[in-house]
PDB file of N, CA and C in Angstrom:
ATOM      1  N   MET A   1     -11.656 -13.079  -2.905  1.00  0.00           N
ATOM      2  CA  MET A   1     -12.039 -11.611  -1.801  1.00  0.00           C
ATOM      3  C   MET A   1     -12.468 -10.837  -0.656  1.00  0.00           C
ATOM      4  N   THR A   2     -12.321 -10.087  -0.007  1.00  0.00           N
ATOM      5  CA  THR A   2     -13.763  -9.551   0.416  1.00  0.00           C
ATOM      6  C   THR A   2     -13.922  -8.574  -0.054  1.00  0.00           C
ATOM      7  N   ARG A   3     -15.023  -8.442  -0.265  1.00  0.00           N
ATOM      8  CA  ARG A   3     -15.231  -7.428  -1.071  1.00  0.00           C
ATOM      9  C   ARG A   3     -16.070  -6.207  -0.032  1.00  0.00           C
ATOM     10  N   THR A   4     -15.921  -6.059   1.201  1.00  0.00           N
ATOM     11  CA  THR A   4     -16.341  -5.033   1.989  1.00  0.00           C
ATOM     12  C   THR A   4     -15.830  -3.550   2.418  1.00  0.00           C
ATOM     13  N   PHE A   5     -16.273  -2.284   2.773  1.00  0.00           N
ATOM     14  CA  PHE A   5     -15.848  -1.483   2.787  1.00  0.00           C
ATOM     15  C   PHE A   5     -14.842  -1.434   3.657  1.00  0.00           C
ATOM     16  N   ARG A   6     -14.103  -1.652   3.605  1.00  0.00           N
ATOM     17  CA  ARG A   6     -12.900  -0.904   5.282  1.00  0.00           C
ATOM     18  C   ARG A   6     -11.757  -0.064   4.710  1.00  0.00           C
ATOM     19  N   PRO A   7     -12.178   0.823   4.845  1.00  0.00           N
ATOM     20  CA  PRO A   7     -10.462   2.233   4.104  1.00  0.00           C
ATOM     21  C   PRO A   7      -9.244   2.098   4.282  1.00  0.00           C
ATOM     22  N   ALA A   8      -8.707   1.688   3.519  1.00  0.00           N
ATOM     23  CA  ALA A   8      -7.315   1.736   3.878  1.00  0.00           C
ATOM     24  C   ALA A   8      -5.757   2.739   2.771  1.00  0.00           C
ATOM     25  N   VAL A   9      -4.662   2.792   3.893  1.00  0.00           N
ATOM     26  CA  VAL A   9      -3.728   3.364   3.050  1.00  0.00           C
ATOM     27  C   VAL A   9      -2.672   2.025   2.861  1.00  0.00           C
ATOM     28  N   TYR A  10      -2.131   2.310   1.901  1.00  0.00           N
ATOM     29  CA  TYR A  10      -1.363   1.642   2.158  1.00  0.00           C
ATOM     30  C   TYR A  10       0.465   1.687   1.124  1.00  0.00           C
ATOM     31  N   ILE A  11       1.242   0.660   0.823  1.00  0.00           N
ATOM     32  CA  ILE A  11       2.512   1.175   0.591  1.00  0.00           C
ATOM     33  C   ILE A  11       2.815  -0.049  -0.206  1.00  0.00           C
ATOM     34  N   VAL A  12       2.922   0.365  -1.561  1.00  0.00           N
ATOM     35  CA  VAL A  12       3.837  -1.618  -2.614  1.00  0.00           C
ATOM     36  C   VAL A  12       4.860  -0.359  -2.810  1.00  0.00           C
ATOM     37  N   ALA A  13       5.980  -1.585  -3.195  1.00  0.00           N
ATOM     38  CA  ALA A  13       6.942  -1.425  -3.669  1.00  0.00           C
ATOM     39  C   ALA A  13       6.996  -2.035  -4.759  1.00  0.00           C
ATOM     40  N   SER A  14       8.487  -1.719  -5.303  1.00  0.00           N
ATOM     41  CA  SER A  14       9.289  -2.871  -6.911  1.00  0.00           C
ATOM     42  C   SER A  14       9.627  -3.698  -5.780  1.00  0.00           C
ATOM     43  N   LYS A  15      10.395  -3.723  -5.243  1.00  0.00           N
ATOM     44  CA  LYS A  15      11.319  -5.011  -4.273  1.00  0.00           C
ATOM     45  C   LYS A  15      11.527  -4.215  -3.127  1.00  0.00           C
ATOM     46  N   PRO A  16      12.833  -4.754  -2.228  1.00  0.00           N
ATOM     47  CA  PRO A  16      13.427  -3.767  -1.097  1.00  0.00           C
ATOM     48  C   PRO A  16      13.729  -3.047  -0.771  1.00  0.00           C
ATOM     49  N   ASN A  17      13.813  -1.781  -0.644  1.00  0.00           N
ATOM     50  CA  ASN A  17      13.947  -0.258  -0.859  1.00  0.00           C
ATOM     51  C   ASN A  17      13.933   0.257  -2.184  1.00  0.00           C
ATOM     52  N   GLY A  18      13.200  -0.466  -2.890  1.00  0.00           N
ATOM     53  CA  GLY A  18      13.177   0.229  -3.674  1.00  0.00           C
ATOM     54  C   GLY A  18      12.605   1.578  -4.249  1.00  0.00           C
ATOM     55  N   THR A  19      11.503   1.740  -6.021  1.00  0.00           N
ATOM     56  CA  THR A  19      10.674   2.518  -5.279  1.00  0.00           C
ATOM     57  C   THR A  19       9.204   2.193  -5.339  1.00  0.00           C
ATOM     58  N   ILE A  20       8.681   2.745  -4.114  1.00  0.00           N
ATOM     59  CA  ILE A  20       7.136   2.844  -3.359  1.00  0.00           C
ATOM     60  C   ILE A  20       6.198   3.688  -4.087  1.00  0.00           C
ATOM     61  N   TYR A  21       5.047   3.340  -3.588  1.00  0.00           N
ATOM     62  CA  TYR A  21       3.782   4.453  -4.081  1.00  0.00           C
ATOM     63  C   TYR A  21       2.813   3.934  -2.641  1.00  0.00           C
ATOM     64  N   VAL A  22       2.937   5.564  -2.424  1.00  0.00           N
ATOM     65  CA  VAL A  22       1.854   5.197  -1.032  1.00  0.00           C
ATOM     66  C   VAL A  22      -0.330   5.365  -1.854  1.00  0.00           C
ATOM     67  N   GLY A  23      -0.755   4.604  -1.452  1.00  0.00           N
ATOM     68  CA  GLY A  23      -2.359   4.530  -2.083  1.00  0.00           C
ATOM     69  C   GLY A  23      -3.129   5.061  -1.268  1.00  0.00           C
ATOM     70  N   VAL A  24      -4.822   4.321  -1.226  1.00  0.00           N
ATOM     71  CA  VAL A  24      -5.167   4.772  -0.561  1.00  0.00           C
ATOM     72  C   VAL A  24      -6.833   3.856  -1.377  1.00  0.00           C
ATOM     73  N   THR A  25      -7.141   3.444  -0.131  1.00  0.00           N
ATOM     74  CA  THR A  25      -8.360   2.119  -1.164  1.00  0.00           C
ATOM     75  C   THR A  25      -9.749   1.784  -0.474  1.00  0.00           C
ATOM     76  N   SER A  26     -11.164   1.674  -0.766  1.00  0.00           N
ATOM     77  CA  SER A  26     -11.959   1.106   0.094  1.00  0.00           C
ATOM     78  C   SER A  26     -11.933  -0.491  -0.058  1.00  0.00           C
ATOM     79  N   ASN A  27     -10.964  -1.065  -0.445  1.00  0.00           N
ATOM     80  CA  ASN A  27     -11.385  -2.974  -1.235  1.00  0.00           C
ATOM     81  C   ASN A  27      -9.313  -2.982  -0.897  1.00  0.00           C
ATOM     82  N   LEU A  28      -8.802  -3.299   0.012  1.00  0.00           N
ATOM     83  CA  LEU A  28      -7.482  -3.647  -0.202  1.00  0.00           C
ATOM     84  C   LEU A  28      -6.914  -5.175  -0.887  1.00  0.00           C
ATOM     85  N   PRO A  29      -7.191  -5.871  -0.672  1.00  0.00           N
ATOM     86  CA  PRO A  29      -7.673  -7.396  -1.320  1.00  0.00           C
ATOM     87  C   PRO A  29      -7.395  -6.529  -2.672  1.00  0.00           C
ATOM     88  N   ARG A  30      -8.315  -5.570  -3.110  1.00  0.00           N
ATOM     89  CA  ARG A  30      -8.743  -5.758  -4.729  1.00  0.00           C
ATOM     90  C   ARG A  30      -7.798  -4.917  -5.124  1.00  0.00           C
ATOM     91  N   ARG A  31      -7.845  -4.364  -4.303  1.00  0.00           N
ATOM     92  CA  ARG A  31      -6.447  -2.929  -4.873  1.00  0.00           C
ATOM     93  C   ARG A  31      -5.395  -3.665  -5.003  1.00  0.00           C
ATOM     94  N   ALA A  32      -4.430  -4.506  -3.738  1.00  0.00           N
ATOM     95  CA  ALA A  32      -3.328  -5.048  -3.724  1.00  0.00           C
ATOM     96  C   ALA A  32      -2.682  -6.359  -5.059  1.00  0.00           C
ATOM     97  N   TRP A  33      -4.544  -6.321  -5.155  1.00  0.00           N
ATOM     98  CA  TRP A  33      -4.038  -7.792  -6.313  1.00  0.00           C
ATOM     99  C   TRP A  33      -4.428  -6.977  -7.777  1.00  0.00           C
ATOM    100  N   GLN A  34      -4.636  -5.943  -7.830  1.00  0.00           N
ATOM    101  CA  GLN A  34      -4.753  -5.350  -9.191  1.00  0.00           C
ATOM    102  C   GLN A  34      -3.271  -4.243  -9.092  1.00  0.00           C
ATOM    103  N   HIS A  35      -2.609  -4.194  -8.148  1.00  0.00           N
ATOM    104  CA  HIS A  35      -1.380  -3.307  -8.051  1.00  0.00           C
ATOM    105  C   HIS A  35      -0.457  -5.230  -8.664  1.00  0.00           C
ATOM    106  N   ARG A  36      -0.499  -6.313  -8.222  1.00  0.00           N
ATOM    107  CA  ARG A  36      -0.002  -7.332  -8.243  1.00  0.00           C
ATOM    108  C   ARG A  36       0.073  -7.839 -10.501  1.00  0.00           C
ATOM    109  N   GLU A  37      -1.005  -7.056 -10.234  1.00  0.00           N
ATOM    110  CA  GLU A  37      -1.435  -8.152 -11.764  1.00  0.00           C
ATOM    111  C   GLU A  37      -1.118  -7.549 -12.826  1.00  0.00           C
ATOM    112  N   GLY A  38      -0.601  -5.952 -12.174  1.00  0.00           N
ATOM    113  CA  GLY A  38      -0.190  -4.483 -12.974  1.00  0.00           C
ATOM    114  C   GLY A  38      -1.350  -4.157 -13.906  1.00  0.00           C
ATOM    115  N   GLU A  39      -2.566  -3.829 -13.092  1.00  0.00           N
ATOM    116  CA  GLU A  39      -3.863  -3.395 -14.180  1.00  0.00           C
ATOM    117  C   GLU A  39      -3.993  -1.987 -14.205  1.00  0.00           C
ATOM    118  N   ILE A  40      -3.879  -1.475 -13.059  1.00  0.00           N
ATOM    119  CA  ILE A  40      -3.910  -0.261 -12.593  1.00  0.00           C
ATOM    120  C   ILE A  40      -2.112   0.961 -13.861  1.00  0.00           C
ATOM    121  N   GLU A  41      -2.798   1.038 -14.665  1.00  0.00           N
ATOM    122  CA  GLU A  41      -2.316   2.082 -15.478  1.00  0.00           C
ATOM    123  C   GLU A  41      -1.238   3.208 -14.609  1.00  0.00           C
ATOM    124  N   GLY A  42      -0.018   3.963 -15.005  1.00  0.00           N
ATOM    125  CA  GLY A  42       0.676   4.666 -13.937  1.00  0.00           C
ATOM    126  C   GLY A  42       1.512   3.886 -13.265  1.00  0.00           C
ATOM    127  N   PHE A  43       1.783   5.014 -12.949  1.00  0.00           N
ATOM    128  CA  PHE A  43       3.599   5.341 -12.350  1.00  0.00           C
ATOM    129  C   PHE A  43       3.437   3.511 -11.514  1.00  0.00           C
ATOM    130  N   THR A  44       2.844   2.846 -10.792  1.00  0.00           N
ATOM    131  CA  THR A  44       3.230   1.784 -10.016  1.00  0.00           C
ATOM    132  C   THR A  44       3.229   0.842 -11.088  1.00  0.00           C
ATOM    133  N   GLN A  45       2.293   0.394 -12.110  1.00  0.00           N
ATOM    134  CA  GLN A  45       2.752   0.056 -13.839  1.00  0.00           C
ATOM    135  C   GLN A  45       3.927  -0.093 -13.856  1.00  0.00           C
ATOM    136  N   THR A  46       4.050   1.406 -14.320  1.00  0.00           N
ATOM    137  CA  THR A  46       6.177   1.934 -15.351  1.00  0.00           C
ATOM    138  C   THR A  46       6.606   1.185 -14.280  1.00  0.00           C
ATOM    139  N   TYR A  47       6.912   1.588 -12.910  1.00  0.00           N
ATOM    140  CA  TYR A  47       7.918   0.852 -12.198  1.00  0.00           C
ATOM    141  C   TYR A  47       7.647  -0.447 -10.867  1.00  0.00           C
ATOM    142  N   GLY A  48       7.142  -1.320 -12.108  1.00  0.00           N
ATOM    143  CA  GLY A  48       6.793  -2.871 -11.112  1.00  0.00           C
ATOM    144  C   GLY A  48       6.319  -2.980  -9.666  1.00  0.00           C
ATOM    145  N   CYS A  49       5.819  -1.408  -9.363  1.00  0.00           N
ATOM    146  CA  CYS A  49       5.637  -1.642  -7.835  1.00  0.00           C
ATOM    147  C   CYS A  49       4.279  -2.947  -7.317  1.00  0.00           C
ATOM    148  N   LYS A  50       4.575  -4.031  -6.709  1.00  0.00           N
ATOM    149  CA  LYS A  50       4.076  -4.888  -7.342  1.00  0.00           C
ATOM    150  C   LYS A  50       3.592  -5.514  -5.491  1.00  0.00           C
ATOM    151  N   LEU A  51       4.065  -5.269  -4.591  1.00  0.00           N
ATOM    152  CA  LEU A  51       4.914  -5.676  -3.604  1.00  0.00           C
ATOM    153  C   LEU A  51       3.329  -4.769  -2.641  1.00  0.00           C
ATOM    154  N   LEU A  52       3.316  -5.482  -1.845  1.00  0.00           N
ATOM    155  CA  LEU A  52       1.960  -5.225  -0.792  1.00  0.00           C
ATOM    156  C   LEU A  52       2.963  -5.131   0.249  1.00  0.00           C
ATOM    157  N   VAL A  53       3.865  -3.707   0.754  1.00  0.00           N
ATOM    158  CA  VAL A  53       4.808  -3.787   2.115  1.00  0.00           C
ATOM    159  C   VAL A  53       3.755  -3.167   3.767  1.00  0.00           C
ATOM    160  N   TRP A  54       2.885  -2.379   3.138  1.00  0.00           N
ATOM    161  CA  TRP A  54       2.757  -2.047   4.574  1.00  0.00           C
ATOM    162  C   TRP A  54       1.702  -1.962   4.105  1.00  0.00           C
ATOM    163  N   TYR A  55      -0.144  -1.525   5.571  1.00  0.00           N
ATOM    164  CA  TYR A  55      -1.191  -0.653   5.817  1.00  0.00           C
ATOM    165  C   TYR A  55      -1.795  -0.720   6.905  1.00  0.00           C
ATOM    166  N   GLU A  56      -2.532   0.604   6.680  1.00  0.00           N
ATOM    167  CA  GLU A  56      -2.723   0.951   7.861  1.00  0.00           C
ATOM    168  C   GLU A  56      -4.813   0.933   7.599  1.00  0.00           C
ATOM    169  N   MET A  57      -5.085   0.352   8.143  1.00  0.00           N
ATOM    170  CA  MET A  57      -6.860   0.210   8.208  1.00  0.00           C
ATOM    171  C   MET A  57      -7.819   1.431   8.618  1.00  0.00           C
ATOM    172  N   HIS A  58      -8.024   1.818   8.399  1.00  0.00           N
ATOM    173  CA  HIS A  58      -8.746   2.861   8.875  1.00  0.00           C
ATOM    174  C   HIS A  58     -10.575   3.458   9.460  1.00  0.00           C
ATOM    175  N   SER A  59     -11.169   3.090   9.840  1.00  0.00           N
ATOM    176  CA  SER A  59     -12.513   3.727  10.503  1.00  0.00           C
ATOM    177  C   SER A  59     -13.572   4.315   8.982  1.00  0.00           C
ATOM    178  N   THR A  60     -13.182   5.447   8.484  1.00  0.00           N
ATOM    179  CA  THR A  60     -13.517   6.408   7.415  1.00  0.00           C
ATOM    180  C   THR A  60     -13.039   6.506   6.209  1.00  0.00           C
ATOM    181  N   MET A  61     -13.177   6.295   5.099  1.00  0.00           N
ATOM    182  CA  MET A  61     -12.605   7.011   4.575  1.00  0.00           C
ATOM    183  C   MET A  61     -11.883   8.969   4.158  1.00  0.00           C
ATOM    184  N   GLU A  62     -12.320   9.476   5.024  1.00  0.00           N
ATOM    185  CA  GLU A  62     -12.454  11.036   4.918  1.00  0.00           C
ATOM    186  C   GLU A  62     -10.715  10.522   5.804  1.00  0.00           C
ATOM    187  N   HIS A  63     -10.658  10.177   6.877  1.00  0.00           N
ATOM    188  CA  HIS A  63      -9.705   9.735   7.948  1.00  0.00           C
ATOM    189  C   HIS A  63      -8.785   8.854   6.764  1.00  0.00           C
ATOM    190  N   ALA A  64      -8.860   7.720   6.606  1.00  0.00           N
ATOM    191  CA  ALA A  64      -7.429   7.083   5.350  1.00  0.00           C
ATOM    192  C   ALA A  64      -7.134   8.404   3.637  1.00  0.00           C
ATOM    193  N   ILE A  65      -7.865   9.034   3.854  1.00  0.00           N
ATOM    194  CA  ILE A  65      -7.249  10.248   2.845  1.00  0.00           C
ATOM    195  C   ILE A  65      -6.432  11.360   3.113  1.00  0.00           C
ATOM    196  N   THR A  66      -7.181  11.515   4.581  1.00  0.00           N
ATOM    197  CA  THR A  66      -5.808  12.747   5.745  1.00  0.00           C
ATOM    198  C   THR A  66      -4.568  11.741   5.554  1.00  0.00           C
ATOM    199  N   ARG A  67      -4.417  10.788   5.904  1.00  0.00           N
ATOM    200  CA  ARG A  67      -3.287  10.029   6.128  1.00  0.00           C
ATOM    201  C   ARG A  67      -2.669   9.839   4.525  1.00  0.00           C
ATOM    202  N   GLU A  68      -3.727   9.523   3.725  1.00  0.00           N
ATOM    203  CA  GLU A  68      -2.013   9.678   2.592  1.00  0.00           C
ATOM    204  C   GLU A  68      -1.950  10.300   1.772  1.00  0.00           C
ATOM    205  N   LYS A  69      -2.266  11.651   2.512  1.00  0.00           N
ATOM    206  CA  LYS A  69      -2.379  12.760   2.120  1.00  0.00           C
ATOM    207  C   LYS A  69      -0.374  13.529   3.020  1.00  0.00           C
ATOM    208  N   GLN A  70      -1.275  12.931   4.005  1.00  0.00           N
ATOM    209  CA  GLN A  70       0.176  12.945   5.372  1.00  0.00           C
ATOM    210  C   GLN A  70       1.293  11.935   4.664  1.00  0.00           C
ATOM    211  N   LEU A  71       1.027  10.968   4.249  1.00  0.00           N
ATOM    212  CA  LEU A  71       2.498  10.981   3.997  1.00  0.00           C
ATOM    213  C   LEU A  71       3.225  11.127   3.305  1.00  0.00           C
ATOM    214  N   LYS A  72       2.418  11.536   1.749  1.00  0.00           N
ATOM    215  CA  LYS A  72       2.519  11.786   0.772  1.00  0.00           C
ATOM    216  C   LYS A  72       3.377  12.833   0.972  1.00  0.00           C
ATOM    217  N   GLY A  73       2.764  13.264   1.530  1.00  0.00           N
ATOM    218  CA  GLY A  73       3.513  14.834   1.906  1.00  0.00           C
ATOM    219  C   GLY A  73       5.203  15.383   2.561  1.00  0.00           C
ATOM    220  N   GLY A  74       5.419  13.342   3.222  1.00  0.00           N
ATOM    221  CA  GLY A  74       6.224  13.201   3.885  1.00  0.00           C
ATOM    222  C   GLY A  74       7.574  12.364   3.524  1.00  0.00           C
ATOM    223  N   SER A  75       8.497  12.443   3.970  1.00  0.00           N
ATOM    224  CA  SER A  75       9.664  12.069   3.334  1.00  0.00           C
ATOM    225  C   SER A  75       9.939  11.051   3.303  1.00  0.00           C
ATOM    226  N   ARG A  76      10.778  10.833   1.523  1.00  0.00           N
ATOM    227  CA  ARG A  76      10.452   8.740   1.669  1.00  0.00           C
ATOM    228  C   ARG A  76      11.141   8.493   2.751  1.00  0.00           C
ATOM    229  N   LYS A  77      12.467   8.590   3.932  1.00  0.00           N
ATOM    230  CA  LYS A  77      12.717   7.897   4.744  1.00  0.00           C
ATOM    231  C   LYS A  77      11.638   7.838   5.674  1.00  0.00           C
ATOM    232  N   ARG A  78      11.028   8.607   6.106  1.00  0.00           N
ATOM    233  CA  ARG A  78       9.723   8.413   7.243  1.00  0.00           C
ATOM    234  C   ARG A  78       8.906   7.337   6.637  1.00  0.00           C
ATOM    235  N   LYS A  79       9.085   7.338   5.175  1.00  0.00           N
ATOM    236  CA  LYS A  79       8.094   5.686   4.804  1.00  0.00           C
ATOM    237  C   LYS A  79       8.612   5.194   5.322  1.00  0.00           C
ATOM    238  N   LEU A  80       9.830   4.691   4.193  1.00  0.00           N
ATOM    239  CA  LEU A  80      10.615   3.613   4.536  1.00  0.00           C
ATOM    240  C   LEU A  80      10.815   2.662   6.156  1.00  0.00           C
ATOM    241  N   GLY A  81      10.685   4.510   7.389  1.00  0.00           N
ATOM    242  CA  GLY A  81      10.187   3.421   8.778  1.00  0.00           C
ATOM    243  C   GLY A  81       9.033   2.756   9.121  1.00  0.00           C
ATOM    244  N   LEU A  82       8.320   3.684   8.315  1.00  0.00           N
ATOM    245  CA  LEU A  82       7.338   2.842   8.682  1.00  0.00           C
ATOM    246  C   LEU A  82       7.402   1.231   8.064  1.00  0.00           C
ATOM    247  N   ILE A  83       7.775   1.420   6.846  1.00  0.00           N
ATOM    248  CA  ILE A  83       7.516  -0.212   6.636  1.00  0.00           C
ATOM    249  C   ILE A  83       8.732  -1.401   7.298  1.00  0.00           C
ATOM    250  N   GLU A  84      10.000  -0.583   7.790  1.00  0.00           N
ATOM    251  CA  GLU A  84      11.224  -1.409   8.430  1.00  0.00           C
ATOM    252  C   GLU A  84      10.380  -1.058   9.940  1.00  0.00           C
ATOM    253  N   GLU A  85       9.862  -0.730  10.292  1.00  0.00           N
ATOM    254  CA  GLU A  85       9.435  -0.686  12.051  1.00  0.00           C
ATOM    255  C   GLU A  85       8.160  -2.103  12.130  1.00  0.00           C
ATOM    256  N   GLY A  86       7.443  -1.944  10.740  1.00  0.00           N
ATOM    257  CA  GLY A  86       6.199  -2.987  10.123  1.00  0.00           C
ATOM    258  C   GLY A  86       6.546  -4.296   9.807  1.00  0.00           C
ATOM    259  N   ASN A  87       7.699  -4.392   8.822  1.00  0.00           N
ATOM    260  CA  ASN A  87       7.517  -5.353   7.848  1.00  0.00           C
ATOM    261  C   ASN A  87       9.589  -5.167   7.597  1.00  0.00           C
ATOM    262  N   PRO A  88       9.946  -5.929   8.388  1.00  0.00           N
ATOM    263  CA  PRO A  88      11.267  -5.253   8.609  1.00  0.00           C
ATOM    264  C   PRO A  88      12.470  -6.465   7.365  1.00  0.00           C
ATOM    265  N   GLN A  89      11.980  -7.403   7.260  1.00  0.00           N
ATOM    266  CA  GLN A  89      12.018  -8.668   5.436  1.00  0.00           C
ATOM    267  C   GLN A  89      11.001  -7.512   4.410  1.00  0.00           C
ATOM    268  N   TRP A  90      10.322  -6.965   4.494  1.00  0.00           N
ATOM    269  CA  TRP A  90       9.520  -6.510   2.929  1.00  0.00           C
ATOM    270  C   TRP A  90       9.172  -7.273   2.267  1.00  0.00           C
ATOM    271  N   ARG A  91       8.362  -8.368   3.274  1.00  0.00           N
ATOM    272  CA  ARG A  91       7.504  -9.305   2.973  1.00  0.00           C
ATOM    273  C   ARG A  91       6.561  -8.826   2.279  1.00  0.00           C
ATOM    274  N   ASP A  92       5.828 -10.050   0.887  1.00  0.00           N
ATOM    275  CA  ASP A  92       4.442  -9.294   0.085  1.00  0.00           C
ATOM    276  C   ASP A  92       3.438 -10.182   1.590  1.00  0.00           C
ATOM    277  N   LEU A  93       2.542  -8.622   1.997  1.00  0.00           N
ATOM    278  CA  LEU A  93       1.316  -9.469   3.135  1.00  0.00           C
ATOM    279  C   LEU A  93       0.290  -9.117   1.936  1.00  0.00           C
ATOM    280  N   PHE A  94       0.113  -9.338   0.926  1.00  0.00           N
ATOM    281  CA  PHE A  94      -0.736  -9.747  -0.068  1.00  0.00           C
ATOM    282  C   PHE A  94      -1.888 -11.285   0.904  1.00  0.00           C
ATOM    283  N   ALA A  95      -0.551 -12.384   1.092  1.00  0.00           N
ATOM    284  CA  ALA A  95      -1.531 -13.077   1.739  1.00  0.00           C
ATOM    285  C   ALA A  95      -2.359 -13.258   2.921  1.00  0.00           C
ATOM    286  N   GLU A  96      -1.730 -12.122   3.906  1.00  0.00           N
ATOM    287  CA  GLU A  96      -1.963 -11.900   4.723  1.00  0.00           C
ATOM    288  C   GLU A  96      -3.413 -11.213   4.362  1.00  0.00           C
ATOM    289  N   ILE A  97      -3.376 -10.506   3.548  1.00  0.00           N
ATOM    290  CA  ILE A  97      -5.039  -9.434   3.870  1.00  0.00           C
ATOM    291  C   ILE A  97      -6.541 -10.164   3.106  1.00  0.00           C
ATOM    292  N   CYS A  98      -5.201 -11.664   3.033  1.00  0.00           N
ATOM    293  CA  CYS A  98      -6.365 -11.862   1.521  1.00  0.00           C
ATOM    294  C   CYS A  98      -7.296 -13.105   2.672  1.00  0.00           C
ATOM    295  N   SER A  99      -6.590 -13.519   3.899  1.00  0.00           N
ATOM    296  CA  SER A  99      -6.976 -14.811   5.070  1.00  0.00           C
ATOM    297  C   SER A  99      -8.159 -14.637   5.492  1.00  0.00           C
TER     298      SER A  99
END
């Protein structure tokens, strides 16, 4: 797994059109793996959000946090639209970010 600092905003889901969670991290491969393995206690573990279905890389953590807040403050419909636009099959993108 990559260990370089690369700020990212991401969405994990329990299943297609299921429960979704928006997060921010400096190491997307590591964080996605933690969600997959259920290592992060709280919302994502409780609701089984293990599929990385959308992500967006940023140049700084400040930009990533601003974007995360924007998405968290937006509607579920808007979040689903982002996923559907870039990943209409709701594939797990974990392998894509680890290659």
